[in-house]
Amino acid sequence: MESHIEIPNSVLARRGYRVRHCAAVRKNKLKPNGRSRSVESSRNFGLKELADYVGLAPATVSLVMNGSPVADTIAPETRKMILAAARKLNYRPNFFARCLRTRRSFTIGVIVPELSEGYNVTVLSGIEDHLLQEGYFYLVASHRFKQDLIDEYTELFLHRSVDGLIAVNTPWHRGLKIPVATVSSHHTVAGVTRIVLDHHRAAEIALQYLMDLGHRRIAFIKGQSFVPDTEVRWKAISEVARQMGLTISPKLVGQIEDNSPSPHLGYCVTQTLVASGEPFTALFAFNDVSAMGAIRALDECKLRVPDDVSVLGFDDIESASYQTRSLSTVRQPLKEMGRIAAEAVLRRAQATDKNDSTPEEIVVSPELIERETTAVVHRARKPYETVLEQG
């Protein structure tokens, strides 16, 4: 692309400029009222003038500048030319005019429990990637699982005329007049698209993996009772264990109680499991964050991971592979789940009732990720029992 732009005399005339000579045009120098100014320092050009300059219809220029999906049908060279001219002429689309014309705010509301490192942020990154790609802005509110805040933020988003709403890891029972997608919510609500994991398959691959390593005495950390996935996942684990002939000891089931995303919660639950005196050779945690806390508790109890106790997490958050002992885990495609949710909301926002083919439920598949915190049981040594006797 050339470093200069030659603006047609017809455009300059309408702006009140007079051209001194051709060299001035080539150098982008204009002479309004006898004073030298650059094009860039003049006031913004409008859509019609930008279209006149590039020699295209205003509708074509508008499609490119507003990032319309239809713009992909325009030749790449033409799109580059339009964008280069817009930068040179300091053209900016009128956002409010666009909203009035399309009757959309190009804004999506997102509700999450909290924004610390882990599950929620990873899902949010997938939402963000898709919305930015489609030219949408988004607002985020965190509710800490307080129902009054969930209701209040929903109303707040509606008052701000968002085009749709995405609820992540949030109990959701409400139908709205705008499109809604939920991630890891299991309630059926008319007009709401649910993106959920296949928890039965997750339980199968996790328990089969641990049993293949020789583990039969497995401890479990359940999630908080108010987290949507907790009971669904535990029901799947219980059913699969029964089908596999695996006995789950009630003494080896601990539950996170506090409303916090800290590894400390998994640390406390694991201390209680060890103190119960019931031996176990593997621990399956509700999420990666609680698994990290569990490993710390086992270390302090002189139980080596994975030699004495294997630890399996859930989610595969980004930091799972960067621990001192990288964490074996059941991967949820969290970023992909966020992208699917954003895609579903935009599809419904842009569709009419007649052509809306968005399904009510989209199920994604888990994957087992084997790293350094799981290993084959050392049957002959029985190190766990030895540590308990010494303790």
Protein backbone atom coordinates (compact mmCIF):
# COMPACT_ATOMS: atom_id res chain seq x y z
CA MET A 1 0.00 0.00 0.00
CA GLU A 2 1.38 3.42 -0.95
CA SER A 3 2.38 5.80 1.81
CA HIS A 4 0.25 8.63 0.48
CA ILE A 5 -3.39 9.12 -0.47
CA GLU A 6 -4.55 11.34 -3.28
CA ILE A 7 -7.91 12.81 -2.30
CA PRO A 8 -10.19 13.70 -5.21
CA ASN A 9 -10.73 17.41 -5.81
CA SER A 10 -14.51 16.94 -5.53
CA VAL A 11 -14.10 15.74 -1.96
CA LEU A 12 -11.72 18.56 -1.06
CA ALA A 13 -14.05 21.16 -2.52
CA ARG A 14 -16.92 20.02 -0.36
CA ARG A 15 -14.63 20.34 2.70
CA GLY A 16 -13.74 23.95 1.90
CA TYR A 17 -10.16 23.31 0.80
CA ARG A 18 -8.52 24.66 -2.30
CA VAL A 19 -5.74 22.74 -4.00
CA ARG A 20 -2.59 24.79 -4.60
CA HIS A 21 -0.84 22.33 -6.91
CA CYS A 22 -0.56 18.61 -7.58
CA ALA A 23 2.53 18.18 -5.41
CA ALA A 24 0.57 19.42 -2.39
CA VAL A 25 -2.09 16.77 -2.97
CA ARG A 26 0.50 14.03 -3.29
CA LYS A 27 2.04 15.11 0.00
CA ASN A 28 -1.36 15.29 1.69
CA LYS A 29 -0.95 19.04 2.15
CA LEU A 30 -4.12 21.09 1.90
CA LYS A 31 -4.58 24.84 1.99
CA PRO A 32 -7.80 25.75 3.83
CA ASN A 33 -8.02 29.55 3.90
CA GLY A 34 -4.41 29.90 2.88
CA ARG A 35 -2.96 27.86 5.77
CA SER A 36 -1.16 24.53 5.40
CA ARG A 37 -2.72 21.56 7.19
CA SER A 38 -2.40 17.80 6.90
CA VAL A 39 -5.37 15.63 6.08
CA GLU A 40 -4.87 13.71 9.33
CA SER A 41 -5.32 16.86 11.43
CA SER A 42 -8.59 17.86 9.75
CA ARG A 43 -11.94 16.87 11.16
CA ASN A 44 -13.18 13.33 10.48
CA PHE A 45 -14.46 12.39 7.05
CA GLY A 46 -17.92 10.83 6.77
CA LEU A 47 -18.93 7.51 5.24
CA LYS A 48 -20.10 9.08 1.99
CA GLU A 49 -16.82 10.94 1.52
CA LEU A 50 -14.80 7.82 2.32
CA ALA A 51 -16.86 5.92 -0.25
CA ASP A 52 -16.28 8.71 -2.81
CA TYR A 53 -12.57 8.55 -2.21
CA VAL A 54 -12.22 4.79 -2.70
CA GLY A 55 -14.73 4.82 -5.55
CA LEU A 56 -17.13 2.31 -4.00
CA ALA A 57 -20.74 2.32 -2.86
CA PRO A 58 -21.30 3.51 0.74
CA ALA A 59 -23.01 0.20 1.53
CA THR A 60 -19.84 -1.71 0.59
CA VAL A 61 -17.65 0.56 2.72
CA SER A 62 -20.12 0.25 5.62
CA LEU A 63 -19.97 -3.56 5.53
CA VAL A 64 -16.19 -3.50 5.83
CA MET A 65 -15.99 -0.79 8.48
CA ASN A 66 -18.66 -2.40 10.66
CA GLY A 67 -17.12 -5.86 10.44
CA SER A 68 -20.20 -7.44 8.94
CA PRO A 69 -19.97 -11.21 8.22
CA VAL A 70 -21.00 -10.36 4.64
CA ALA A 71 -17.76 -8.38 4.32
CA ASP A 72 -15.96 -11.70 3.83
CA THR A 73 -17.42 -11.82 0.32
CA ILE A 74 -15.55 -8.63 -0.61
CA ALA A 75 -12.13 -9.09 -2.17
CA PRO A 76 -9.27 -8.90 0.39
CA GLU A 77 -7.50 -6.22 -1.64
CA THR A 78 -10.64 -4.08 -1.58
CA ARG A 79 -11.04 -4.50 2.18
CA LYS A 80 -7.41 -3.51 2.73
CA MET A 81 -7.85 -0.44 0.55
CA ILE A 82 -10.95 0.66 2.48
CA LEU A 83 -9.30 0.15 5.87
CA ALA A 84 -6.12 1.98 4.80
CA ALA A 85 -8.15 4.92 3.51
CA ALA A 86 -10.20 5.01 6.71
CA ARG A 87 -7.04 5.19 8.82
CA LYS A 88 -5.60 7.94 6.65
CA LEU A 89 -8.79 9.98 6.67
CA ASN A 90 -9.37 9.36 10.38
CA TYR A 91 -12.77 7.83 9.66
CA ARG A 92 -14.65 6.20 12.54
CA PRO A 93 -18.03 4.45 12.18
CA ASN A 94 -20.85 6.09 14.10
CA PHE A 95 -21.59 3.52 16.78
CA PHE A 96 -24.86 5.07 17.92
CA ALA A 97 -26.14 5.33 14.37
CA ARG A 98 -25.29 1.67 13.90
CA CYS A 99 -27.23 0.75 17.06
CA LEU A 100 -30.27 2.72 15.93
CA ARG A 101 -30.14 1.23 12.45
CA THR A 102 -29.78 -2.38 13.58
CA ARG A 103 -31.74 -2.07 16.85
CA ARG A 104 -28.89 -3.79 18.66
CA SER A 105 -26.41 -2.57 21.27
CA PHE A 106 -23.62 -4.96 20.20
CA THR A 107 -23.10 -5.69 23.90
CA ILE A 108 -23.41 -9.01 25.75
CA GLY A 109 -23.75 -9.42 29.52
CA VAL A 110 -21.75 -12.17 31.23
CA ILE A 111 -22.42 -13.43 34.77
CA VAL A 112 -19.79 -15.49 36.63
CA PRO A 113 -19.33 -16.51 40.29
CA GLU A 114 -15.92 -14.86 40.56
CA LEU A 115 -12.90 -13.91 38.45
CA SER A 116 -9.93 -15.63 40.08
CA GLU A 117 -7.61 -17.94 38.12
CA GLY A 118 -9.27 -21.18 37.11
CA TYR A 119 -12.50 -22.44 35.59
CA ASN A 120 -14.40 -19.16 35.21
CA VAL A 121 -11.58 -17.13 33.70
CA THR A 122 -10.78 -19.86 31.18
CA VAL A 123 -14.41 -20.02 30.01
CA LEU A 124 -14.49 -16.23 29.88
CA SER A 125 -11.45 -16.15 27.60
CA GLY A 126 -13.34 -18.29 25.06
CA ILE A 127 -16.35 -15.97 25.28
CA GLU A 128 -14.10 -12.96 24.83
CA ASP A 129 -12.32 -14.38 21.78
CA HIS A 130 -15.56 -14.93 19.88
CA LEU A 131 -17.25 -11.65 20.87
CA LEU A 132 -14.22 -9.58 19.91
CA GLN A 133 -13.98 -11.39 16.60
CA GLU A 134 -17.63 -10.53 15.88
CA GLY A 135 -17.26 -6.88 16.91
CA TYR A 136 -19.16 -7.16 20.21
CA PHE A 137 -18.43 -5.55 23.56
CA TYR A 138 -19.17 -7.38 26.81
CA LEU A 139 -19.86 -6.55 30.46
CA VAL A 140 -18.96 -8.94 33.29
CA ALA A 141 -20.49 -9.19 36.77
CA SER A 142 -19.54 -11.64 39.54
CA HIS A 143 -22.16 -12.83 42.01
CA ARG A 144 -20.40 -15.18 44.48
CA PHE A 145 -23.38 -17.54 44.20
CA LYS A 146 -25.69 -15.01 45.88
CA GLN A 147 -29.12 -15.30 44.28
CA ASP A 148 -30.03 -11.67 44.98
CA LEU A 149 -26.95 -10.54 43.03
CA ILE A 150 -27.75 -12.91 40.16
CA ASP A 151 -31.23 -11.36 39.92
CA GLU A 152 -29.96 -7.81 40.36
CA TYR A 153 -27.23 -8.08 37.73
CA THR A 154 -29.64 -9.67 35.27
CA GLU A 155 -31.96 -6.68 35.61
CA LEU A 156 -29.00 -4.33 35.34
CA PHE A 157 -27.95 -5.91 32.04
CA LEU A 158 -31.52 -5.73 30.72
CA HIS A 159 -31.70 -2.01 31.57
CA ARG A 160 -28.48 -1.53 29.61
CA SER A 161 -30.14 -3.16 26.58
CA VAL A 162 -27.64 -5.99 26.13
CA ASP A 163 -28.30 -8.16 23.08
CA GLY A 164 -27.87 -11.37 25.05
CA LEU A 165 -26.64 -12.87 28.30
CA ILE A 166 -24.23 -15.69 29.18
CA ALA A 167 -24.32 -17.27 32.65
CA VAL A 168 -21.16 -19.22 33.55
CA ASN A 169 -21.20 -21.83 36.35
CA THR A 170 -24.35 -20.15 37.65
CA PRO A 171 -27.67 -21.65 38.82
CA TRP A 172 -30.13 -20.47 36.16
CA HIS A 173 -33.93 -20.85 36.21
CA ARG A 174 -35.10 -17.78 34.32
CA GLY A 175 -36.34 -17.18 30.79
CA LEU A 176 -35.70 -13.74 29.27
CA LYS A 177 -36.81 -11.86 26.18
CA ILE A 178 -33.19 -11.77 25.04
CA PRO A 179 -31.07 -14.82 24.06
CA VAL A 180 -29.42 -16.62 27.00
CA ALA A 181 -26.72 -19.29 27.06
CA THR A 182 -25.48 -21.06 30.17
CA VAL A 183 -22.24 -22.93 30.76
CA SER A 184 -22.45 -25.81 33.28
CA SER A 185 -26.03 -25.13 34.34
CA HIS A 186 -28.33 -28.13 34.22
CA HIS A 187 -31.81 -26.61 34.46
CA THR A 188 -34.04 -26.71 31.41
CA VAL A 189 -35.42 -23.25 30.63
CA ALA A 190 -37.31 -22.34 27.46
CA GLY A 191 -35.19 -20.26 25.09
CA VAL A 192 -31.94 -20.95 26.96
CA THR A 193 -29.05 -22.85 25.36
CA ARG A 194 -27.14 -25.06 27.81
CA ILE A 195 -23.49 -25.93 27.20
CA VAL A 196 -22.61 -28.88 29.45
CA LEU A 197 -19.93 -31.54 29.83
CA ASP A 198 -20.65 -35.24 29.43
CA HIS A 199 -20.12 -36.00 33.14
CA HIS A 200 -20.92 -39.70 32.77
CA ARG A 201 -18.12 -40.05 30.25
CA ALA A 202 -15.82 -38.00 32.51
CA ALA A 203 -16.48 -40.40 35.39
CA GLU A 204 -15.84 -43.38 33.13
CA ILE A 205 -12.46 -42.25 31.87
CA ALA A 206 -11.32 -41.07 35.33
CA LEU A 207 -12.28 -44.18 37.28
CA GLN A 208 -11.17 -46.58 34.56
CA TYR A 209 -7.79 -44.83 34.44
CA LEU A 210 -7.29 -45.08 38.20
CA MET A 211 -8.42 -48.72 38.29
CA ASP A 212 -6.07 -49.57 35.42
CA LEU A 213 -3.27 -48.22 37.62
CA GLY A 214 -4.36 -50.67 40.32
CA HIS A 215 -6.24 -48.24 42.59
CA ARG A 216 -9.27 -49.59 44.43
CA ARG A 217 -9.26 -47.43 47.54
CA ILE A 218 -10.06 -44.03 46.08
CA ALA A 219 -10.87 -40.87 48.04
CA PHE A 220 -13.07 -38.15 46.57
CA ILE A 221 -13.42 -34.39 47.05
CA LYS A 222 -16.91 -33.17 46.14
CA GLY A 223 -17.60 -29.57 45.14
CA GLN A 224 -19.72 -27.11 47.06
CA SER A 225 -23.42 -27.93 47.22
CA PHE A 226 -24.35 -24.63 45.53
CA VAL A 227 -22.14 -25.22 42.46
CA PRO A 228 -24.29 -26.51 39.54
CA ASP A 229 -21.89 -29.30 38.49
CA THR A 230 -21.46 -30.84 41.96
CA GLU A 231 -24.43 -33.17 42.23
CA VAL A 232 -24.52 -33.99 38.52
CA ARG A 233 -20.87 -35.07 38.60
CA TRP A 234 -21.19 -36.97 41.86
CA LYS A 235 -24.22 -38.86 40.59
CA ALA A 236 -22.23 -39.85 37.50
CA ILE A 237 -19.25 -40.98 39.60
CA SER A 238 -21.49 -43.06 41.88
CA GLU A 239 -23.25 -44.74 38.96
CA VAL A 240 -20.04 -45.52 37.09
CA ALA A 241 -18.33 -46.85 40.24
CA ARG A 242 -21.26 -49.19 40.83
CA GLN A 243 -21.12 -50.41 37.23
CA MET A 244 -17.37 -51.06 37.55
CA GLY A 245 -17.74 -52.87 40.87
CA LEU A 246 -15.79 -50.15 42.71
CA THR A 247 -16.81 -49.58 46.33
CA ILE A 248 -16.81 -45.96 47.54
CA SER A 249 -16.26 -45.68 51.29
CA PRO A 250 -18.29 -42.87 52.93
CA LYS A 251 -15.22 -42.12 55.07
CA LEU A 252 -13.30 -41.32 51.88
CA VAL A 253 -15.74 -38.72 50.59
CA GLY A 254 -15.11 -35.14 51.64
CA GLN A 255 -16.94 -32.03 50.48
CA ILE A 256 -15.79 -28.45 50.03
CA GLU A 257 -18.09 -26.19 52.02
CA ASP A 258 -16.82 -22.60 51.89
CA ASN A 259 -17.54 -20.15 49.10
CA SER A 260 -13.98 -19.56 47.95
CA PRO A 261 -11.84 -20.47 44.92
CA SER A 262 -8.75 -21.03 47.10
CA PRO A 263 -6.64 -24.26 47.09
CA HIS A 264 -6.91 -24.07 50.88
CA LEU A 265 -10.35 -25.68 50.70
CA GLY A 266 -8.94 -28.83 49.08
CA TYR A 267 -6.11 -28.72 51.60
CA CYS A 268 -8.54 -28.80 54.55
CA VAL A 269 -10.71 -31.57 53.09
CA THR A 270 -7.65 -33.75 52.45
CA GLN A 271 -6.40 -33.27 55.99
CA THR A 272 -9.77 -34.56 57.21
CA LEU A 273 -9.64 -37.55 54.84
CA VAL A 274 -6.18 -38.54 56.07
CA ALA A 275 -7.20 -38.05 59.71
CA SER A 276 -10.13 -40.46 59.24
CA GLY A 277 -7.64 -43.34 59.31
CA GLU A 278 -9.22 -44.93 56.23
CA PRO A 279 -6.36 -45.76 53.81
CA PHE A 280 -6.54 -44.63 50.19
CA THR A 281 -4.08 -44.84 47.33
CA ALA A 282 -5.69 -42.28 45.00
CA LEU A 283 -7.65 -39.06 45.36
CA PHE A 284 -10.05 -37.70 42.71
CA ALA A 285 -10.67 -33.98 43.29
CA PHE A 286 -13.63 -31.88 42.17
CA ASN A 287 -11.36 -29.43 40.33
CA ASP A 288 -7.70 -28.66 39.74
CA VAL A 289 -7.58 -25.92 42.37
CA SER A 290 -8.73 -28.27 45.15
CA ALA A 291 -6.33 -30.94 43.82
CA MET A 292 -3.43 -28.51 44.27
CA GLY A 293 -4.45 -27.94 47.88
CA ALA A 294 -4.77 -31.70 48.37
CA ILE A 295 -1.20 -32.29 47.20
CA ARG A 296 0.07 -29.77 49.74
CA ALA A 297 -1.85 -31.52 52.53
CA LEU A 298 -0.52 -34.94 51.49
CA ASP A 299 3.04 -33.60 51.42
CA GLU A 300 2.67 -32.29 54.97
CA CYS A 301 1.36 -35.71 56.05
CA LYS A 302 4.54 -37.30 54.62
CA LEU A 303 2.57 -38.98 51.84
CA ARG A 304 4.41 -38.76 48.56
CA VAL A 305 2.55 -37.90 45.35
CA PRO A 306 2.29 -40.07 43.29
CA ASP A 307 4.34 -42.81 45.00
CA ASP A 308 2.02 -43.14 48.01
CA VAL A 309 -1.12 -41.41 46.75
CA SER A 310 -2.06 -40.54 43.18
CA VAL A 311 -3.99 -37.29 42.69
CA LEU A 312 -6.34 -36.61 39.77
CA GLY A 313 -7.85 -33.18 39.19
CA PHE A 314 -10.65 -31.92 37.00
CA ASP A 315 -10.86 -29.02 34.46
CA ASP A 316 -7.26 -28.72 33.20
CA ILE A 317 -6.84 -25.04 33.95
CA GLU A 318 -3.75 -23.39 32.50
CA SER A 319 -1.61 -23.65 35.64
CA ALA A 320 -2.26 -27.41 36.03
CA SER A 321 0.63 -28.32 33.75
CA TYR A 322 3.02 -25.85 35.41
CA GLN A 323 2.96 -27.17 38.98
CA THR A 324 6.14 -28.64 40.48
CA ARG A 325 4.51 -31.98 39.73
CA SER A 326 2.30 -31.32 36.73
CA LEU A 327 -1.25 -32.33 37.52
CA SER A 328 -3.01 -35.30 35.97
CA THR A 329 -6.59 -34.24 35.31
CA VAL A 330 -9.83 -34.68 33.41
CA ARG A 331 -9.93 -31.89 30.84
CA GLN A 332 -13.05 -29.89 30.19
CA PRO A 333 -12.71 -27.88 26.95
CA LEU A 334 -13.43 -24.73 28.96
CA LYS A 335 -12.33 -22.18 26.39
CA GLU A 336 -14.30 -23.98 23.69
CA MET A 337 -17.37 -24.05 25.95
CA GLY A 338 -17.13 -20.29 26.31
CA ARG A 339 -16.80 -19.85 22.56
CA ILE A 340 -19.82 -22.07 21.92
CA ALA A 341 -21.89 -20.07 24.41
CA ALA A 342 -20.98 -16.77 22.76
CA GLU A 343 -21.68 -18.20 19.33
CA ALA A 344 -25.10 -19.49 20.42
CA VAL A 345 -26.13 -16.15 21.92
CA LEU A 346 -25.08 -14.18 18.83
CA ARG A 347 -26.78 -16.66 16.52
CA ARG A 348 -30.04 -16.22 18.39
CA ALA A 349 -29.61 -12.45 18.62
CA GLN A 350 -29.21 -12.19 14.86
CA ALA A 351 -31.87 -14.76 13.94
CA THR A 352 -35.61 -14.56 13.49
CA ASP A 353 -37.94 -17.10 15.10
CA LYS A 354 -38.26 -18.86 11.77
CA ASN A 355 -34.58 -19.47 11.12
CA ASP A 356 -33.29 -20.05 14.67
CA SER A 357 -31.84 -23.56 14.70
CA THR A 358 -29.80 -23.24 17.90
CA PRO A 359 -30.18 -26.43 20.00
CA GLU A 360 -31.34 -26.23 23.61
CA GLU A 361 -28.42 -28.34 24.83
CA ILE A 362 -24.87 -28.73 23.51
CA VAL A 363 -22.83 -31.52 25.16
CA VAL A 364 -19.03 -31.45 24.97
CA SER A 365 -16.65 -34.35 25.63
CA PRO A 366 -13.97 -34.65 28.35
CA GLU A 367 -10.42 -35.91 27.87
CA LEU A 368 -8.02 -37.59 30.28
CA ILE A 369 -4.69 -35.80 30.65
CA GLU A 370 -1.99 -37.98 32.23
CA ARG A 371 0.87 -36.10 33.87
CA GLU A 372 3.06 -36.51 36.97
CA THR A 373 0.65 -36.85 39.92
CA THR A 374 -0.64 -40.35 39.12
CA ALA A 375 1.18 -43.69 39.10
CA VAL A 376 0.75 -47.45 39.45
CA VAL A 377 -0.02 -48.69 42.97
CA HIS A 378 3.00 -50.16 44.81
CA ARG A 379 1.15 -53.09 46.34
CA ALA A 380 4.09 -54.80 48.03
CA ARG A 381 5.25 -51.77 50.06
CA LYS A 382 1.89 -50.51 51.35
CA PRO A 383 3.51 -47.16 52.20
CA TYR A 384 0.26 -45.48 53.17
CA GLU A 385 -0.44 -47.88 56.04
CA THR A 386 3.15 -47.49 57.23
CA VAL A 387 2.84 -43.72 57.38
CA LEU A 388 -0.40 -43.97 59.36
CA GLU A 389 1.23 -46.32 61.89
CA GLN A 390 4.18 -43.95 62.26
CA GLY A 391 1.89 -40.93 62.54
